[in-house]
Amino acid sequence: MTPHLHRQFPELTETLPHLVLGKSPTPVRLLSSLDTVGADLWLKDDGAFGDGGWGGNKVRKLEWLLPDALRQGRTTIVTVGGLGTNWGLATALYGRENGLKTVLALIDQPEDDHVRAQLARLRASGATLIFTHTKARTILRAPIILARNFSGRRPPYLLPAGGSSPVGALGYVEAALELADQVRNGELPEPTHIVAPLGSGGTVAGLSLGLRLAGLSTRVVGVVVNDTLRLDESAISRLADRAAGVLRDRGARLPADISPTGNLEIVTGYLGTGYGHPTMEATTAQTLSEDLEHLTLEPVYTAKSMAAVLELNAQGRFGGGPVVFLNTNGPR
C-alpha cells in the first residue's frame, strides 16, 4: 500500500524508501467507559500495528529506518535501550527478517515481570546483547561497539534510543496523515488533542510535524516517561524540524511556514521516581483500562500516559475535546 507521505508528496517515492511492516490504518474507537467526566476520549490503537511478532509504535519507525539502512548498504544496526526495551526487540525481529543484524546496548532499569519477560524475548531474538548498565558506560563503550561491527569499510547503522532519529520520526508523520484521513472519512471527529507517552521523542515530534502537514489544528500532548534524555519542547521541536529537513532534502515541497512547532505541549509529573519505576496512578489507569475497555497497557509508557489523560481530563484541561489517546504498546 502506498504510504500517505508518498501520496501527499509523490516526489518522495524514489528518494525516500518505505517498507511495509504493519497493517494500516490502525483502529480508532470511543473509550466510552473512561470519559465519564470532561472531554470524550478516543483511542488510536497502534498496539495493533506490526506483522513480525511484535507491534506498537516502534514498528512505524522501522518502516522508514530499515529501508534507509539497506539503501546505504549497512548490514548491522547498533542501538540502545533499557532491559525491557520494546524498541530493541522490534528492531531485532524486523531487522532479522530483512537481513540486518542488531546489536543492543542495554541499560539497567527496575526489573518486574514485564521487564523479565521482555528480556527473555530479547535473548531469543537473535540480537547481540551488551549489558552496559548505565548511560555513562554506554557512551564510553560506544566507540568500541561501533568499531567491532564494521562490515568491510561500512560502519553499522547507528540509531538512538527508541529509533528517534529524523528518519525514524517520519513513522509518526505518516501516522498523523493516516489519522487525518480517518477524520476525513468520518471514523472520528477532528480531535483537539492527541496524547502520547514521551520516551525518546520520535513519536511526539513526528505527530507534531505530521498534523501540521495534514492541516489539522490538533495539539500534541507528550507525557514525559523518561528521565534519561532531554525531552523538553525545544528538543522535540528541533527533532520535528530535522524530520522536515529530511523531507525537504529528499525533494518534498513542504510549505515554507511549516516551522516552528506551534502545536506541542509537554506534560511532566507522571514519571514517578524515574524511568521504569511504577506509580500508583499508572497502576490504577492500567487496571481501569483493562477492566472497562479491554485495553492492555504496560507500566513504563502507556499506563503513565493514560494516568495523565484521566487526571487532566478530570481537571478540564482538554476543554470540550475530543481527545485521542495513542496506545503505543505492542504486545504479541
C-alpha atoms as a PDB file:
ATOM      1  CA  MET A   1       0.000   0.000   0.000  1.00  0.00           C
ATOM      2  CA  THR A   2       1.293   3.449  -0.894  1.00  0.00           C
ATOM      3  CA  PRO A   3       2.130   5.397   2.283  1.00  0.00           C
ATOM      4  CA  HIS A   4       0.409   8.720   2.873  1.00  0.00           C
ATOM      5  CA  LEU A   5       3.749  10.553   2.691  1.00  0.00           C
ATOM      6  CA  HIS A   6       4.271   9.287  -0.847  1.00  0.00           C
ATOM      7  CA  ARG A   7       0.687  10.157  -1.786  1.00  0.00           C
ATOM      8  CA  GLN A   8       0.960  13.709  -0.473  1.00  0.00           C
ATOM      9  CA  PHE A   9       4.485  14.210  -1.797  1.00  0.00           C
ATOM     10  CA  PRO A  10       4.901  11.959  -4.894  1.00  0.00           C
ATOM     11  CA  GLU A  11       8.396  13.347  -5.369  1.00  0.00           C
ATOM     12  CA  LEU A  12       9.493  11.250  -2.350  1.00  0.00           C
ATOM     13  CA  THR A  13       8.592   7.939  -3.979  1.00  0.00           C
ATOM     14  CA  GLU A  14      12.064   7.432  -5.475  1.00  0.00           C
ATOM     15  CA  THR A  15      14.138   9.176  -2.805  1.00  0.00           C
ATOM     16  CA  LEU A  16      12.577   8.018   0.475  1.00  0.00           C
ATOM     17  CA  PRO A  17      12.129   4.228   0.559  1.00  0.00           C
ATOM     18  CA  HIS A  18       9.394   2.641   2.619  1.00  0.00           C
ATOM     19  CA  LEU A  19       8.980  -0.948   3.797  1.00  0.00           C
ATOM     20  CA  VAL A  20       5.509  -2.228   4.741  1.00  0.00           C
ATOM     21  CA  LEU A  21       5.743  -3.918   8.162  1.00  0.00           C
ATOM     22  CA  GLY A  22       2.224  -3.464   9.515  1.00  0.00           C
ATOM     23  CA  LYS A  23      -1.407  -3.091   8.557  1.00  0.00           C
ATOM     24  CA  SER A  24      -2.858   0.379   8.440  1.00  0.00           C
ATOM     25  CA  PRO A  25      -4.878   2.278   9.327  1.00  0.00           C
ATOM     26  CA  THR A  26      -4.808   1.239  12.956  1.00  0.00           C
ATOM     27  CA  PRO A  27      -8.268   1.209  14.557  1.00  0.00           C
ATOM     28  CA  VAL A  28      -9.910   4.121  16.334  1.00  0.00           C
ATOM     29  CA  ARG A  29     -12.774   3.844  18.814  1.00  0.00           C
ATOM     30  CA  LEU A  30     -14.532   5.812  21.526  1.00  0.00           C
ATOM     31  CA  LEU A  31     -13.461   4.959  25.082  1.00  0.00           C
ATOM     32  CA  SER A  32     -16.959   5.498  26.409  1.00  0.00           C
ATOM     33  CA  SER A  33     -16.341   3.884  29.809  1.00  0.00           C
ATOM     34  CA  LEU A  34     -13.345   6.093  30.589  1.00  0.00           C
ATOM     35  CA  ASP A  35     -14.769   9.506  29.696  1.00  0.00           C
ATOM     36  CA  THR A  36     -17.297   9.888  32.497  1.00  0.00           C
ATOM     37  CA  VAL A  37     -16.066  13.444  33.083  1.00  0.00           C
ATOM     38  CA  GLY A  38     -14.617  16.055  30.763  1.00  0.00           C
ATOM     39  CA  ALA A  39     -13.978  15.586  27.064  1.00  0.00           C
ATOM     40  CA  ASP A  40     -14.799  12.499  25.016  1.00  0.00           C
ATOM     41  CA  LEU A  41     -11.819  10.134  24.921  1.00  0.00           C
ATOM     42  CA  TRP A  42     -10.913   8.229  21.777  1.00  0.00           C
ATOM     43  CA  LEU A  43      -8.315   5.537  21.208  1.00  0.00           C
ATOM     44  CA  LYS A  44      -5.981   5.167  18.256  1.00  0.00           C
ATOM     45  CA  ASP A  45      -4.602   1.710  18.846  1.00  0.00           C
ATOM     46  CA  ASP A  46      -1.111   1.450  17.409  1.00  0.00           C
ATOM     47  CA  GLY A  47      -0.661  -1.667  19.504  1.00  0.00           C
ATOM     48  CA  ALA A  48      -2.317  -3.338  16.519  1.00  0.00           C
ATOM     49  CA  PHE A  49       0.456  -2.222  14.156  1.00  0.00           C
ATOM     50  CA  GLY A  50       3.059  -4.756  13.072  1.00  0.00           C
ATOM     51  CA  ASP A  51       3.207  -8.186  11.441  1.00  0.00           C
ATOM     52  CA  GLY A  52       6.556  -9.543  12.623  1.00  0.00           C
ATOM     53  CA  GLY A  53       5.843 -10.975  16.053  1.00  0.00           C
ATOM     54  CA  TRP A  54       5.905  -7.634  17.886  1.00  0.00           C
ATOM     55  CA  GLY A  55       3.929  -4.484  17.317  1.00  0.00           C
ATOM     56  CA  GLY A  56       3.470  -0.945  18.530  1.00  0.00           C
ATOM     57  CA  ASN A  57       4.851   2.456  17.675  1.00  0.00           C
ATOM     58  CA  LYS A  58       8.433   1.284  17.096  1.00  0.00           C
ATOM     59  CA  VAL A  59       7.368  -0.654  14.006  1.00  0.00           C
ATOM     60  CA  ARG A  60       6.091   2.517  12.349  1.00  0.00           C
ATOM     61  CA  LYS A  61       9.583   3.999  12.705  1.00  0.00           C
ATOM     62  CA  LEU A  62      11.232   0.857  11.343  1.00  0.00           C
ATOM     63  CA  GLU A  63       9.157   1.110   8.145  1.00  0.00           C
ATOM     64  CA  TRP A  64      11.407   4.056   7.230  1.00  0.00           C
ATOM     65  CA  LEU A  65      14.592   3.191   9.134  1.00  0.00           C
ATOM     66  CA  LEU A  66      15.192  -0.330   7.808  1.00  0.00           C
ATOM     67  CA  PRO A  67      14.989   0.649   4.121  1.00  0.00           C
ATOM     68  CA  ASP A  68      17.212   3.644   4.868  1.00  0.00           C
ATOM     69  CA  ALA A  69      19.853   1.310   6.350  1.00  0.00           C
ATOM     70  CA  LEU A  70      19.555  -1.080   3.396  1.00  0.00           C
ATOM     71  CA  ARG A  71      19.759   1.829   0.948  1.00  0.00           C
ATOM     72  CA  GLN A  72      23.103   2.757   2.488  1.00  0.00           C
ATOM     73  CA  GLY A  73      24.387  -0.800   2.241  1.00  0.00           C
ATOM     74  CA  ARG A  74      24.571  -1.340   6.013  1.00  0.00           C
ATOM     75  CA  THR A  75      24.394  -4.851   7.440  1.00  0.00           C
ATOM     76  CA  THR A  76      24.210  -4.134  11.178  1.00  0.00           C
ATOM     77  CA  ILE A  77      22.110  -1.823  13.345  1.00  0.00           C
ATOM     78  CA  VAL A  78      23.594  -0.658  16.642  1.00  0.00           C
ATOM     79  CA  THR A  79      21.181   0.888  19.117  1.00  0.00           C
ATOM     80  CA  VAL A  80      20.424   1.263  22.813  1.00  0.00           C
ATOM     81  CA  GLY A  81      17.551   0.757  25.254  1.00  0.00           C
ATOM     82  CA  GLY A  82      16.562  -0.366  28.719  1.00  0.00           C
ATOM     83  CA  LEU A  83      16.442  -4.006  29.765  1.00  0.00           C
ATOM     84  CA  GLY A  84      12.778  -4.188  28.753  1.00  0.00           C
ATOM     85  CA  THR A  85      13.136  -2.258  25.509  1.00  0.00           C
ATOM     86  CA  ASN A  86      10.241  -2.630  23.067  1.00  0.00           C
ATOM     87  CA  TRP A  87      12.336  -0.686  20.578  1.00  0.00           C
ATOM     88  CA  GLY A  88      15.259  -3.101  20.769  1.00  0.00           C
ATOM     89  CA  LEU A  89      13.028  -6.141  20.374  1.00  0.00           C
ATOM     90  CA  ALA A  90      11.186  -4.729  17.369  1.00  0.00           C
ATOM     91  CA  THR A  91      14.489  -3.764  15.731  1.00  0.00           C
ATOM     92  CA  ALA A  92      15.927  -7.239  16.281  1.00  0.00           C
ATOM     93  CA  LEU A  93      12.862  -9.063  14.950  1.00  0.00           C
ATOM     94  CA  TYR A  94      12.143  -6.919  11.913  1.00  0.00           C
ATOM     95  CA  GLY A  95      15.828  -6.362  11.190  1.00  0.00           C
ATOM     96  CA  ARG A  96      16.433 -10.132  11.129  1.00  0.00           C
ATOM     97  CA  GLU A  97      13.528 -10.586   8.689  1.00  0.00           C
ATOM     98  CA  ASN A  98      15.214  -8.095   6.363  1.00  0.00           C
ATOM     99  CA  GLY A  99      18.778  -9.366   6.588  1.00  0.00           C
ATOM    100  CA  LEU A 100      20.064  -6.924   9.199  1.00  0.00           C
ATOM    101  CA  LYS A 101      21.884  -7.903  12.374  1.00  0.00           C
ATOM    102  CA  THR A 102      21.048  -5.967  15.559  1.00  0.00           C
ATOM    103  CA  VAL A 103      23.461  -5.106  18.371  1.00  0.00           C
ATOM    104  CA  LEU A 104      21.785  -3.775  21.535  1.00  0.00           C
ATOM    105  CA  ALA A 105      23.461  -1.881  24.365  1.00  0.00           C
ATOM    106  CA  LEU A 106      21.187  -2.411  27.374  1.00  0.00           C
ATOM    107  CA  ILE A 107      20.891  -0.009  30.296  1.00  0.00           C
ATOM    108  CA  ASP A 108      19.568  -1.126  33.678  1.00  0.00           C
ATOM    109  CA  GLN A 109      16.003  -0.350  34.698  1.00  0.00           C
ATOM    110  CA  PRO A 110      13.829  -1.624  37.559  1.00  0.00           C
ATOM    111  CA  GLU A 111      13.021  -5.279  36.939  1.00  0.00           C
ATOM    112  CA  ASP A 112       9.485  -6.608  37.221  1.00  0.00           C
ATOM    113  CA  ASP A 113       7.574  -9.374  35.445  1.00  0.00           C
ATOM    114  CA  HIS A 114       7.119  -7.173  32.372  1.00  0.00           C
ATOM    115  CA  VAL A 115      10.854  -6.438  32.073  1.00  0.00           C
ATOM    116  CA  ARG A 116      11.902 -10.028  32.766  1.00  0.00           C
ATOM    117  CA  ALA A 117       9.542 -11.333  30.070  1.00  0.00           C
ATOM    118  CA  GLN A 118      10.839  -8.768  27.620  1.00  0.00           C
ATOM    119  CA  LEU A 119      14.453  -9.618  28.393  1.00  0.00           C
ATOM    120  CA  ALA A 120      13.699 -13.277  27.659  1.00  0.00           C
ATOM    121  CA  ARG A 121      12.259 -12.230  24.289  1.00  0.00           C
ATOM    122  CA  LEU A 122      15.385 -10.189  23.581  1.00  0.00           C
ATOM    123  CA  ARG A 123      17.629 -13.169  24.331  1.00  0.00           C
ATOM    124  CA  ALA A 124      15.600 -15.263  21.890  1.00  0.00           C
ATOM    125  CA  SER A 125      15.540 -12.606  19.164  1.00  0.00           C
ATOM    126  CA  GLY A 126      18.979 -13.273  17.714  1.00  0.00           C
ATOM    127  CA  ALA A 127      20.292  -9.831  18.687  1.00  0.00           C
ATOM    128  CA  THR A 128      23.729  -9.394  20.227  1.00  0.00           C
ATOM    129  CA  LEU A 129      23.112  -8.072  23.748  1.00  0.00           C
ATOM    130  CA  ILE A 130      25.729  -5.932  25.509  1.00  0.00           C
ATOM    131  CA  PHE A 131      24.891  -5.075  29.113  1.00  0.00           C
ATOM    132  CA  THR A 132      26.370  -1.615  29.579  1.00  0.00           C
ATOM    133  CA  HIS A 133      24.244  -0.949  32.716  1.00  0.00           C
ATOM    134  CA  THR A 134      24.389   2.879  32.689  1.00  0.00           C
ATOM    135  CA  LYS A 135      24.102   5.719  30.174  1.00  0.00           C
ATOM    136  CA  ALA A 136      27.645   6.871  31.014  1.00  0.00           C
ATOM    137  CA  ARG A 137      29.155   3.437  30.411  1.00  0.00           C
ATOM    138  CA  THR A 138      27.189   3.117  27.174  1.00  0.00           C
ATOM    139  CA  ILE A 139      28.701   6.357  25.899  1.00  0.00           C
ATOM    140  CA  LEU A 140      32.204   5.234  26.933  1.00  0.00           C
ATOM    141  CA  ARG A 141      31.851   1.854  25.214  1.00  0.00           C
ATOM    142  CA  ALA A 142      30.162   3.179  22.083  1.00  0.00           C
ATOM    143  CA  PRO A 143      33.388   3.605  20.017  1.00  0.00           C
ATOM    144  CA  ILE A 144      34.416   0.006  20.767  1.00  0.00           C
ATOM    145  CA  ILE A 145      30.946  -1.361  19.937  1.00  0.00           C
ATOM    146  CA  LEU A 146      30.889   0.543  16.664  1.00  0.00           C
ATOM    147  CA  ALA A 147      34.433  -0.477  15.724  1.00  0.00           C
ATOM    148  CA  ARG A 148      33.640  -4.151  16.260  1.00  0.00           C
ATOM    149  CA  ASN A 149      30.625  -4.036  13.979  1.00  0.00           C
ATOM    150  CA  PHE A 150      32.019  -2.628  10.749  1.00  0.00           C
ATOM    151  CA  SER A 151      31.223  -4.635   7.630  1.00  0.00           C
ATOM    152  CA  GLY A 152      34.248  -4.110   5.430  1.00  0.00           C
ATOM    153  CA  ARG A 153      34.540  -0.343   5.251  1.00  0.00           C
ATOM    154  CA  ARG A 154      30.893   0.274   6.043  1.00  0.00           C
ATOM    155  CA  PRO A 155      30.054   1.313   9.596  1.00  0.00           C
ATOM    156  CA  PRO A 156      26.970  -0.020  11.349  1.00  0.00           C
ATOM    157  CA  TYR A 157      23.738   1.951  11.146  1.00  0.00           C
ATOM    158  CA  LEU A 158      23.673   3.772  14.491  1.00  0.00           C
ATOM    159  CA  LEU A 159      20.302   4.656  15.972  1.00  0.00           C
ATOM    160  CA  PRO A 160      19.353   6.487  19.167  1.00  0.00           C
ATOM    161  CA  ALA A 161      17.066   5.009  21.803  1.00  0.00           C
ATOM    162  CA  GLY A 162      13.563   4.450  20.507  1.00  0.00           C
ATOM    163  CA  GLY A 163      14.622   4.968  16.903  1.00  0.00           C
ATOM    164  CA  SER A 164      14.026   8.679  17.419  1.00  0.00           C
ATOM    165  CA  SER A 165      16.178   9.953  14.596  1.00  0.00           C
ATOM    166  CA  PRO A 166      14.817  12.388  11.995  1.00  0.00           C
ATOM    167  CA  VAL A 167      14.124   9.447   9.649  1.00  0.00           C
ATOM    168  CA  GLY A 168      12.520   7.426  12.465  1.00  0.00           C
ATOM    169  CA  ALA A 169      10.211  10.329  13.311  1.00  0.00           C
ATOM    170  CA  LEU A 170       8.731  10.027   9.822  1.00  0.00           C
ATOM    171  CA  GLY A 171       6.837   6.978  11.068  1.00  0.00           C
ATOM    172  CA  TYR A 172       4.638   9.320  13.066  1.00  0.00           C
ATOM    173  CA  VAL A 173       4.427  11.923  10.359  1.00  0.00           C
ATOM    174  CA  GLU A 174       2.850   9.056   8.419  1.00  0.00           C
ATOM    175  CA  ALA A 175       0.605   8.146  11.377  1.00  0.00           C
ATOM    176  CA  ALA A 176      -0.628  11.746  11.662  1.00  0.00           C
ATOM    177  CA  LEU A 177      -1.521  11.795   7.962  1.00  0.00           C
ATOM    178  CA  GLU A 178      -3.323   8.479   8.497  1.00  0.00           C
ATOM    179  CA  LEU A 179      -5.291   9.949  11.418  1.00  0.00           C
ATOM    180  CA  ALA A 180      -6.273  12.943   9.290  1.00  0.00           C
ATOM    181  CA  ASP A 181      -7.565  10.545   6.637  1.00  0.00           C
ATOM    182  CA  GLN A 182      -9.658   8.759   9.275  1.00  0.00           C
ATOM    183  CA  VAL A 183     -11.111  12.123  10.335  1.00  0.00           C
ATOM    184  CA  ARG A 184     -11.991  12.935   6.709  1.00  0.00           C
ATOM    185  CA  ASN A 185     -13.626   9.516   6.362  1.00  0.00           C
ATOM    186  CA  GLY A 186     -15.833  10.170   9.394  1.00  0.00           C
ATOM    187  CA  GLU A 187     -14.309   7.469  11.622  1.00  0.00           C
ATOM    188  CA  LEU A 188     -13.794  10.010  14.403  1.00  0.00           C
ATOM    189  CA  PRO A 189     -14.222  13.759  14.853  1.00  0.00           C
ATOM    190  CA  GLU A 190     -11.214  16.027  14.498  1.00  0.00           C
ATOM    191  CA  PRO A 191      -9.507  15.873  17.904  1.00  0.00           C
ATOM    192  CA  THR A 192      -8.490  18.951  19.808  1.00  0.00           C
ATOM    193  CA  HIS A 193      -5.648  16.960  21.414  1.00  0.00           C
ATOM    194  CA  ILE A 194      -3.757  13.719  20.906  1.00  0.00           C
ATOM    195  CA  VAL A 195      -1.862  12.369  23.922  1.00  0.00           C
ATOM    196  CA  ALA A 196       1.144  10.055  23.692  1.00  0.00           C
ATOM    197  CA  PRO A 197       3.934   8.907  26.017  1.00  0.00           C
ATOM    198  CA  LEU A 198       7.152  10.858  25.564  1.00  0.00           C
ATOM    199  CA  GLY A 199      10.000   8.392  25.996  1.00  0.00           C
ATOM    200  CA  SER A 200      12.562   9.233  23.316  1.00  0.00           C
ATOM    201  CA  GLY A 201      10.820  11.944  21.303  1.00  0.00           C
ATOM    202  CA  GLY A 202      10.292  10.485  17.827  1.00  0.00           C
ATOM    203  CA  THR A 203       6.598   9.674  18.175  1.00  0.00           C
ATOM    204  CA  VAL A 204       5.639  13.080  19.551  1.00  0.00           C
ATOM    205  CA  ALA A 205       7.913  15.003  17.148  1.00  0.00           C
ATOM    206  CA  GLY A 206       6.521  13.094  14.167  1.00  0.00           C
ATOM    207  CA  LEU A 207       2.938  13.709  15.232  1.00  0.00           C
ATOM    208  CA  SER A 208       3.657  17.409  15.683  1.00  0.00           C
ATOM    209  CA  LEU A 209       5.033  17.762  12.158  1.00  0.00           C
ATOM    210  CA  GLY A 210       2.538  15.386  10.553  1.00  0.00           C
ATOM    211  CA  LEU A 211      -0.551  17.073  11.955  1.00  0.00           C
ATOM    212  CA  ARG A 212       0.634  20.406  10.589  1.00  0.00           C
ATOM    213  CA  LEU A 213       1.262  18.843   7.180  1.00  0.00           C
ATOM    214  CA  ALA A 214      -2.233  17.330   7.351  1.00  0.00           C
ATOM    215  CA  GLY A 215      -3.824  20.707   8.068  1.00  0.00           C
ATOM    216  CA  LEU A 216      -5.265  19.680  11.449  1.00  0.00           C
ATOM    217  CA  SER A 217      -5.244  22.058  14.414  1.00  0.00           C
ATOM    218  CA  THR A 218      -4.889  19.153  16.875  1.00  0.00           C
ATOM    219  CA  ARG A 219      -2.433  19.784  19.706  1.00  0.00           C
ATOM    220  CA  VAL A 220       0.077  17.084  20.630  1.00  0.00           C
ATOM    221  CA  VAL A 221       0.453  16.380  24.355  1.00  0.00           C
ATOM    222  CA  GLY A 222       3.600  14.444  25.227  1.00  0.00           C
ATOM    223  CA  VAL A 223       3.630  12.854  28.688  1.00  0.00           C
ATOM    224  CA  VAL A 224       7.237  12.548  29.879  1.00  0.00           C
ATOM    225  CA  VAL A 225       8.020   8.983  30.991  1.00  0.00           C
ATOM    226  CA  ASN A 226      11.821   9.050  30.743  1.00  0.00           C
ATOM    227  CA  ASP A 227      14.337  11.000  32.813  1.00  0.00           C
ATOM    228  CA  THR A 228      17.481   9.863  30.952  1.00  0.00           C
ATOM    229  CA  LEU A 229      17.020  12.085  27.883  1.00  0.00           C
ATOM    230  CA  ARG A 230      16.296  15.748  27.277  1.00  0.00           C
ATOM    231  CA  LEU A 231      12.612  15.830  26.373  1.00  0.00           C
ATOM    232  CA  ASP A 232      11.552  19.468  26.625  1.00  0.00           C
ATOM    233  CA  GLU A 233       9.634  21.396  23.981  1.00  0.00           C
ATOM    234  CA  SER A 234      12.809  22.804  22.450  1.00  0.00           C
ATOM    235  CA  ALA A 235      14.339  19.340  21.946  1.00  0.00           C
ATOM    236  CA  ILE A 236      11.163  17.865  20.448  1.00  0.00           C
ATOM    237  CA  SER A 237      10.620  20.869  18.184  1.00  0.00           C
ATOM    238  CA  ARG A 238      14.200  20.558  16.962  1.00  0.00           C
ATOM    239  CA  LEU A 239      13.681  16.874  16.122  1.00  0.00           C
ATOM    240  CA  ALA A 240      10.452  17.724  14.258  1.00  0.00           C
ATOM    241  CA  ASP A 241      12.291  20.385  12.270  1.00  0.00           C
ATOM    242  CA  ARG A 242      15.091  17.935  11.428  1.00  0.00           C
ATOM    243  CA  ALA A 243      12.481  15.458  10.181  1.00  0.00           C
ATOM    244  CA  ALA A 244      11.048  18.221   7.997  1.00  0.00           C
ATOM    245  CA  GLY A 245      14.605  18.796   6.779  1.00  0.00           C
ATOM    246  CA  VAL A 246      14.864  15.152   5.699  1.00  0.00           C
ATOM    247  CA  LEU A 247      11.676  15.525   3.663  1.00  0.00           C
ATOM    248  CA  ARG A 248      12.935  18.695   2.014  1.00  0.00           C
ATOM    249  CA  ASP A 249      16.358  17.171   1.325  1.00  0.00           C
ATOM    250  CA  ARG A 250      14.655  14.225  -0.393  1.00  0.00           C
ATOM    251  CA  GLY A 251      12.658  16.591  -2.604  1.00  0.00           C
ATOM    252  CA  ALA A 252       9.358  17.225  -0.800  1.00  0.00           C
ATOM    253  CA  ARG A 253       7.854  20.638  -1.441  1.00  0.00           C
ATOM    254  CA  LEU A 254       6.813  21.464   2.115  1.00  0.00           C
ATOM    255  CA  PRO A 255       5.024  24.718   2.940  1.00  0.00           C
ATOM    256  CA  ALA A 256       7.510  27.438   3.783  1.00  0.00           C
ATOM    257  CA  ASP A 257       5.748  28.272   7.066  1.00  0.00           C
ATOM    258  CA  ILE A 258       5.692  24.689   8.466  1.00  0.00           C
ATOM    259  CA  SER A 259       8.083  25.626  11.313  1.00  0.00           C
ATOM    260  CA  PRO A 260       8.385  26.330  14.161  1.00  0.00           C
ATOM    261  CA  THR A 261       6.293  23.860  16.080  1.00  0.00           C
ATOM    262  CA  GLY A 262       3.199  25.540  17.468  1.00  0.00           C
ATOM    263  CA  ASN A 263       1.024  22.588  18.397  1.00  0.00           C
ATOM    264  CA  LEU A 264       3.084  20.939  21.118  1.00  0.00           C
ATOM    265  CA  GLU A 265       2.627  20.646  24.887  1.00  0.00           C
ATOM    266  CA  ILE A 266       4.964  18.727  27.199  1.00  0.00           C
ATOM    267  CA  VAL A 267       3.446  17.384  30.424  1.00  0.00           C
ATOM    268  CA  THR A 268       5.511  16.340  33.430  1.00  0.00           C
ATOM    269  CA  GLY A 269       4.526  14.996  36.830  1.00  0.00           C
ATOM    270  CA  TYR A 270       3.661  11.405  35.855  1.00  0.00           C
ATOM    271  CA  LEU A 271       7.149   9.872  35.734  1.00  0.00           C
ATOM    272  CA  GLY A 272       7.388   8.900  39.401  1.00  0.00           C
ATOM    273  CA  THR A 273      10.893   8.331  40.763  1.00  0.00           C
ATOM    274  CA  GLY A 274      12.374   7.569  37.353  1.00  0.00           C
ATOM    275  CA  TYR A 275      12.241   5.660  34.093  1.00  0.00           C
ATOM    276  CA  GLY A 276      10.571   2.291  34.566  1.00  0.00           C
ATOM    277  CA  HIS A 277       9.632   2.915  38.183  1.00  0.00           C
ATOM    278  CA  PRO A 278       5.958   2.151  38.877  1.00  0.00           C
ATOM    279  CA  THR A 279       3.478   4.728  40.106  1.00  0.00           C
ATOM    280  CA  MET A 280       0.189   4.191  41.892  1.00  0.00           C
ATOM    281  CA  GLU A 281      -1.632   6.396  39.374  1.00  0.00           C
ATOM    282  CA  ALA A 282      -0.297   4.382  36.445  1.00  0.00           C
ATOM    283  CA  THR A 283      -1.271   1.103  38.074  1.00  0.00           C
ATOM    284  CA  THR A 284      -4.803   2.417  38.585  1.00  0.00           C
ATOM    285  CA  ALA A 285      -5.004   3.645  34.976  1.00  0.00           C
ATOM    286  CA  GLN A 286      -3.741   0.279  33.746  1.00  0.00           C
ATOM    287  CA  THR A 287      -6.382  -1.599  35.729  1.00  0.00           C
ATOM    288  CA  LEU A 288      -9.220   0.711  34.675  1.00  0.00           C
ATOM    289  CA  SER A 289      -8.231   0.492  31.016  1.00  0.00           C
ATOM    290  CA  GLU A 290      -8.181  -3.305  31.113  1.00  0.00           C
ATOM    291  CA  ASP A 291     -11.356  -3.729  33.148  1.00  0.00           C
ATOM    292  CA  LEU A 292     -13.507  -1.076  31.474  1.00  0.00           C
ATOM    293  CA  GLU A 293     -12.211  -1.014  27.897  1.00  0.00           C
ATOM    294  CA  HIS A 294     -10.262  -4.277  27.445  1.00  0.00           C
ATOM    295  CA  LEU A 295      -7.245  -2.098  26.621  1.00  0.00           C
ATOM    296  CA  THR A 296      -3.876  -3.594  27.596  1.00  0.00           C
ATOM    297  CA  LEU A 297      -1.292  -1.053  28.713  1.00  0.00           C
ATOM    298  CA  GLU A 298       2.207  -1.590  30.092  1.00  0.00           C
ATOM    299  CA  PRO A 299       3.644   0.154  33.186  1.00  0.00           C
ATOM    300  CA  VAL A 300       6.610   2.027  31.672  1.00  0.00           C
ATOM    301  CA  TYR A 301       4.997   4.176  28.961  1.00  0.00           C
ATOM    302  CA  THR A 302       1.312   3.799  28.227  1.00  0.00           C
ATOM    303  CA  ALA A 303      -0.084   3.374  31.756  1.00  0.00           C
ATOM    304  CA  LYS A 304       1.648   6.587  32.861  1.00  0.00           C
ATOM    305  CA  SER A 305       0.356   8.366  29.783  1.00  0.00           C
ATOM    306  CA  MET A 306      -3.188   7.164  30.471  1.00  0.00           C
ATOM    307  CA  ALA A 307      -2.872   8.327  34.090  1.00  0.00           C
ATOM    308  CA  ALA A 308      -2.125  11.790  32.734  1.00  0.00           C
ATOM    309  CA  VAL A 309      -5.091  11.674  30.334  1.00  0.00           C
ATOM    310  CA  LEU A 310      -7.546  10.741  33.072  1.00  0.00           C
ATOM    311  CA  GLU A 311      -6.319  13.361  35.528  1.00  0.00           C
ATOM    312  CA  LEU A 312      -6.010  16.192  33.015  1.00  0.00           C
ATOM    313  CA  ASN A 313      -9.456  15.405  31.626  1.00  0.00           C
ATOM    314  CA  ALA A 314     -10.980  15.433  35.106  1.00  0.00           C
ATOM    315  CA  GLN A 315      -9.382  18.846  35.616  1.00  0.00           C
ATOM    316  CA  GLY A 316     -10.952  20.155  32.404  1.00  0.00           C
ATOM    317  CA  ARG A 317      -7.563  20.742  30.757  1.00  0.00           C
ATOM    318  CA  PHE A 318      -8.783  19.478  27.380  1.00  0.00           C
ATOM    319  CA  GLY A 319     -11.856  21.673  27.221  1.00  0.00           C
ATOM    320  CA  GLY A 320     -14.629  20.126  25.147  1.00  0.00           C
ATOM    321  CA  GLY A 321     -12.333  17.745  23.282  1.00  0.00           C
ATOM    322  CA  PRO A 322     -12.468  15.240  21.725  1.00  0.00           C
ATOM    323  CA  VAL A 323      -9.128  13.786  22.856  1.00  0.00           C
ATOM    324  CA  VAL A 324      -7.273  10.871  21.265  1.00  0.00           C
ATOM    325  CA  PHE A 325      -5.138   8.585  23.404  1.00  0.00           C
ATOM    326  CA  LEU A 326      -2.410   6.966  21.320  1.00  0.00           C
ATOM    327  CA  ASN A 327      -1.720   3.427  22.512  1.00  0.00           C
ATOM    328  CA  THR A 328       1.893   2.689  21.583  1.00  0.00           C
ATOM    329  CA  ASN A 329       2.102  -0.659  23.404  1.00  0.00           C
ATOM    330  CA  GLY A 330       2.529  -3.634  21.105  1.00  0.00           C
ATOM    331  CA  PRO A 331       2.231  -6.975  22.958  1.00  0.00           C
ATOM    332  CA  ARG A 332       2.023 -10.149  20.943  1.00  0.00           C
END
